[in-house]
Amino acid sequence: MFLSKVSLIFDQHTAQELVKLGTNGAYASHQLLWKLFSEQTERNFLYREEITEGGLPHFYVLSMTHPDSSNPLFRVQTKVFTPKLSKGSRLAFKLRVNPTVCVKNEGGKSKRHDVLMNAKYKAVKQANLGDEQIKRLMNDAAQEWISDENRLNRWGFKLDALPEIECYRQHKSRKNNHQVQFSTVDFQGVLTVEDPQVFLQEYAKGYGRSKSMGCGLMLIRPI
C-alpha cells in the first residue's frame, strides 16, 4: 500500500478544478484524484479530503499502486505504507464514514437509510423531545453503529471507548447525471488491534459505504 498527501499547485488550471469542487463536491474530488491513477480501469484507492486554513483542499490517499506524481496539477508526497502491527497494538484513529442501516417498509421491502436521519425520524415521532435530546439520540445511533460487535469483529479490532463524533455532514453531488445524496460522520478515538491480518485486509478495503465519495479511509497513528 501507498499513503500519499496530495495538494493542489495553485494556477489557472487549479482555479478551474476548484470551481468544479465547489459545484459538485465529493464526486468532483473523486474525478480529480483519478488523474493520479490514469492507467487504472477500476478505482483502487481511498481518499479523505481536508480543507486547509487558506481554504484550499488537500487529500490523504491510500492506494495499491504508486500515484503519478508528474501531473503538474498536484504536489504529491508518497510513502510505502506497511504498518507493523500485532495483537494488542493500540492506535489513535480518525475515520470518516457513511453509516447506513436497512429498514423494512410496510410492504416488507428493505431500503437503506442514513443512520442518524433514521434515528431523528424515530425521535421526532416521540412527544416532548427537544432539539438537544434529538441530537443526543442521533449521536447515540452513530456510536451504536460503529461499536457494533459483529462489525468490529469483521474489522479485526475493538474500541477502547466510544469514539468522539467530530462532525456530521450531509452531501449532494452529481454522478453520471444522477444526483447522489449521502451523509458522513467523522469519528475520532482509540482502538486495539485484535487480529492484525484481518485489520490490514479491511483497512485496505476501507470502511462502510460511499468510498468513491471520500469515505472509508482510516488515518491511524500508534500510541
Protein backbone atom coordinates (compact mmCIF):
# COMPACT_ATOMS: atom_id res chain seq x y z
CA MET A 1 0.00 0.00 0.00
CA PHE A 2 0.99 3.61 -0.55
CA LEU A 3 -0.14 6.56 1.56
CA SER A 4 0.03 9.97 -0.08
CA LYS A 5 -0.65 13.55 0.90
CA VAL A 6 -1.87 15.40 -2.17
CA SER A 7 -2.27 19.15 -2.50
CA LEU A 8 -3.07 21.36 -5.47
CA ILE A 9 -0.47 23.64 -7.04
CA PHE A 10 -2.39 26.85 -7.48
CA ASP A 11 -2.59 28.21 -11.03
CA GLN A 12 -5.28 28.95 -13.61
CA HIS A 13 -5.94 25.24 -14.19
CA THR A 14 -6.27 24.69 -10.45
CA ALA A 15 -8.80 27.51 -10.24
CA GLN A 16 -10.96 25.70 -12.80
CA GLU A 17 -10.76 22.48 -10.79
CA LEU A 18 -11.70 24.34 -7.61
CA VAL A 19 -14.84 25.63 -9.32
CA LYS A 20 -15.77 22.01 -10.10
CA LEU A 21 -15.13 21.01 -6.49
CA GLY A 22 -17.31 23.86 -5.30
CA THR A 23 -20.22 22.94 -7.53
CA ASN A 24 -20.09 19.14 -7.47
CA GLY A 25 -18.41 18.29 -4.20
CA ALA A 26 -17.33 14.75 -3.50
CA TYR A 27 -17.66 13.31 -6.99
CA ALA A 28 -15.58 16.14 -8.45
CA SER A 29 -12.87 15.28 -5.90
CA HIS A 30 -13.09 11.64 -6.95
CA GLN A 31 -12.68 12.57 -10.63
CA LEU A 32 -9.79 14.90 -9.81
CA LEU A 33 -7.84 12.21 -7.96
CA TRP A 34 -8.33 9.76 -10.83
CA LYS A 35 -5.73 11.89 -12.65
CA LEU A 36 -3.15 10.35 -10.31
CA PHE A 37 -4.11 6.86 -11.48
CA SER A 38 -4.92 7.42 -15.14
CA GLU A 39 -3.74 3.96 -16.20
CA GLN A 40 -6.26 2.19 -13.98
CA THR A 41 -9.63 1.00 -15.23
CA GLU A 42 -11.05 0.42 -11.73
CA ARG A 43 -10.64 2.51 -8.61
CA ASN A 44 -8.17 1.01 -6.16
CA PHE A 45 -7.70 3.99 -3.90
CA LEU A 46 -9.39 5.53 -0.88
CA TYR A 47 -9.20 9.18 -0.03
CA ARG A 48 -10.08 11.74 2.59
CA GLU A 49 -10.43 15.43 1.81
CA GLU A 50 -9.43 18.14 4.25
CA ILE A 51 -9.60 21.92 3.89
CA THR A 52 -6.55 24.00 4.82
CA GLU A 53 -6.69 27.26 6.75
CA GLY A 54 -6.35 29.03 3.41
CA GLY A 55 -9.49 27.34 2.14
CA LEU A 56 -7.75 25.02 -0.33
CA PRO A 57 -8.37 21.26 -0.29
CA HIS A 58 -5.73 18.64 0.28
CA PHE A 59 -6.20 14.90 0.25
CA TYR A 60 -4.92 11.81 2.01
CA VAL A 61 -4.90 8.95 -0.47
CA LEU A 62 -4.38 5.23 0.24
CA SER A 63 -3.66 3.28 -2.94
CA MET A 64 -2.49 -0.10 -4.12
CA THR A 65 -0.29 1.47 -6.81
CA HIS A 66 2.06 4.43 -6.71
CA PRO A 67 0.30 7.66 -7.78
CA ASP A 68 1.59 9.56 -10.79
CA SER A 69 3.46 12.44 -9.18
CA SER A 70 4.38 14.00 -12.55
CA ASN A 71 0.99 15.65 -13.03
CA PRO A 72 1.64 19.43 -12.83
CA LEU A 73 -1.67 19.96 -11.07
CA PHE A 74 -0.55 18.25 -7.86
CA ARG A 75 2.11 18.25 -5.21
CA VAL A 76 2.33 14.63 -4.08
CA GLN A 77 4.17 13.23 -1.06
CA THR A 78 4.06 9.43 -1.05
CA LYS A 79 5.44 6.73 1.23
CA VAL A 80 5.12 2.97 1.32
CA PHE A 81 2.55 2.18 3.98
CA THR A 82 3.23 -1.09 5.80
CA PRO A 83 2.28 -0.60 9.45
CA LYS A 84 3.84 -3.13 11.81
CA LEU A 85 1.01 -4.39 13.96
CA SER A 86 0.46 -7.19 16.41
CA LYS A 87 -2.45 -8.33 18.55
CA GLY A 88 -2.89 -5.68 21.21
CA SER A 89 -1.44 -2.78 19.21
CA ARG A 90 -3.20 0.43 20.21
CA LEU A 91 -3.86 3.10 17.60
CA ALA A 92 -5.35 6.56 17.66
CA PHE A 93 -7.63 6.89 14.68
CA LYS A 94 -9.73 9.29 12.65
CA LEU A 95 -12.38 7.85 10.36
CA ARG A 96 -14.91 9.41 8.00
CA VAL A 97 -17.72 7.01 7.17
CA ASN A 98 -21.18 6.88 5.64
CA PRO A 99 -23.17 4.93 8.28
CA THR A 100 -26.36 3.37 6.96
CA VAL A 101 -28.99 0.89 8.10
CA CYS A 102 -31.50 -1.23 6.18
CA VAL A 103 -35.10 -0.58 7.23
CA LYS A 104 -38.15 -2.52 6.01
CA ASN A 105 -41.15 -0.52 4.89
CA GLU A 106 -44.80 -1.51 5.36
CA GLY A 107 -44.60 -3.66 2.23
CA GLY A 108 -41.68 -5.62 3.64
CA LYS A 109 -39.11 -4.18 1.25
CA SER A 110 -35.77 -3.08 2.66
CA LYS A 111 -34.35 0.37 1.95
CA ARG A 112 -31.04 1.79 3.09
CA HIS A 113 -31.20 4.89 5.29
CA ASP A 114 -28.78 7.28 6.92
CA VAL A 115 -28.35 6.00 10.50
CA LEU A 116 -28.60 9.45 12.06
CA MET A 117 -31.59 10.58 9.99
CA ASN A 118 -33.33 7.30 10.79
CA ALA A 119 -32.77 7.98 14.49
CA LYS A 120 -34.04 11.55 14.06
CA TYR A 121 -37.16 10.31 12.27
CA LYS A 122 -37.91 7.97 15.16
CA ALA A 123 -37.19 10.69 17.72
CA VAL A 124 -39.46 13.34 16.25
CA LYS A 125 -42.36 10.89 16.44
CA GLN A 126 -41.97 10.93 20.21
CA ALA A 127 -43.66 13.70 22.13
CA ASN A 128 -41.88 16.44 24.08
CA LEU A 129 -38.37 15.84 22.80
CA GLY A 130 -36.24 18.96 22.44
CA ASP A 131 -33.53 19.61 19.86
CA GLU A 132 -30.74 18.62 22.27
CA GLN A 133 -32.44 15.34 23.10
CA ILE A 134 -32.90 14.55 19.41
CA LYS A 135 -29.27 15.42 18.71
CA ARG A 136 -28.18 13.12 21.54
CA LEU A 137 -30.25 10.25 20.13
CA MET A 138 -28.69 10.82 16.70
CA ASN A 139 -25.19 10.74 18.20
CA ASP A 140 -26.07 7.59 20.13
CA ALA A 141 -27.20 5.92 16.90
CA ALA A 142 -23.90 6.79 15.20
CA GLN A 143 -21.88 5.40 18.09
CA GLU A 144 -24.00 2.25 18.21
CA TRP A 145 -23.27 1.77 14.51
CA ILE A 146 -19.51 1.95 14.84
CA SER A 147 -19.38 -0.03 18.10
CA ASP A 148 -21.49 -2.93 16.79
CA GLU A 149 -19.69 -6.09 17.97
CA ASN A 150 -20.23 -8.07 14.77
CA ARG A 151 -18.94 -5.16 12.69
CA LEU A 152 -15.83 -4.76 14.85
CA ASN A 153 -15.11 -8.50 14.67
CA ARG A 154 -15.20 -8.27 10.86
CA TRP A 155 -12.81 -5.33 11.04
CA GLY A 156 -10.36 -7.05 13.37
CA PHE A 157 -10.26 -4.51 16.19
CA LYS A 158 -12.09 -3.33 19.29
CA LEU A 159 -12.71 0.18 20.56
CA ASP A 160 -11.07 1.26 23.79
CA ALA A 161 -14.04 3.57 24.37
CA LEU A 162 -16.87 5.06 22.36
CA PRO A 163 -15.22 7.40 19.84
CA GLU A 164 -15.84 11.13 19.75
CA ILE A 165 -18.05 12.39 16.94
CA GLU A 166 -16.24 15.36 15.42
CA CYS A 167 -18.92 16.30 12.91
CA TYR A 168 -21.87 15.13 10.87
CA ARG A 169 -22.48 16.38 7.33
CA GLN A 170 -24.97 15.79 4.55
CA HIS A 171 -23.74 15.96 0.97
CA LYS A 172 -25.19 16.34 -2.51
CA SER A 173 -23.29 15.59 -5.68
CA ARG A 174 -23.95 14.52 -9.26
CA LYS A 175 -22.59 11.31 -10.76
CA ASN A 176 -23.30 10.41 -14.39
CA ASN A 177 -26.16 12.93 -14.48
CA HIS A 178 -27.77 11.43 -11.37
CA GLN A 179 -27.99 13.26 -8.07
CA VAL A 180 -26.27 11.46 -5.22
CA GLN A 181 -27.10 12.23 -1.58
CA PHE A 182 -25.22 10.77 1.34
CA SER A 183 -24.05 11.67 4.82
CA THR A 184 -20.74 11.43 6.63
CA VAL A 185 -19.72 11.13 10.25
CA ASP A 186 -16.18 11.92 11.38
CA PHE A 187 -15.12 9.74 14.32
CA GLN A 188 -12.01 10.12 16.45
CA GLY A 189 -10.88 7.65 19.10
CA VAL A 190 -8.56 4.84 20.15
CA LEU A 191 -8.70 1.22 19.05
CA THR A 192 -6.90 -2.01 19.90
CA VAL A 193 -5.99 -4.44 17.14
CA GLU A 194 -7.43 -7.91 17.76
CA ASP A 195 -6.37 -9.63 14.52
CA PRO A 196 -3.59 -7.83 12.60
CA GLN A 197 -4.13 -9.73 9.35
CA VAL A 198 -7.88 -9.10 9.29
CA PHE A 199 -7.34 -5.49 10.34
CA LEU A 200 -4.96 -4.76 7.45
CA GLN A 201 -7.18 -6.53 4.93
CA GLU A 202 -10.18 -4.45 5.99
CA TYR A 203 -8.07 -1.31 6.25
CA ALA A 204 -7.02 -1.65 2.61
CA LYS A 205 -10.65 -2.10 1.51
CA GLY A 206 -11.96 0.81 3.55
CA TYR A 207 -14.86 1.06 5.98
CA GLY A 208 -18.55 1.48 5.28
CA ARG A 209 -20.14 2.73 2.08
CA SER A 210 -19.59 5.66 -0.34
CA LYS A 211 -15.85 5.02 -0.67
CA SER A 212 -15.77 6.73 -4.06
CA MET A 213 -17.13 9.82 -2.32
CA GLY A 214 -14.27 10.21 0.14
CA CYS A 215 -15.42 7.83 2.88
CA GLY A 216 -13.76 4.79 4.41
CA LEU A 217 -10.10 5.81 4.80
CA MET A 218 -8.91 5.48 8.39
CA LEU A 219 -5.99 7.65 9.49
CA ILE A 220 -4.01 5.93 12.24
CA ARG A 221 -1.01 6.55 14.46
CA PRO A 222 0.48 4.33 17.17
CA ILE A 223 0.04 5.26 20.81
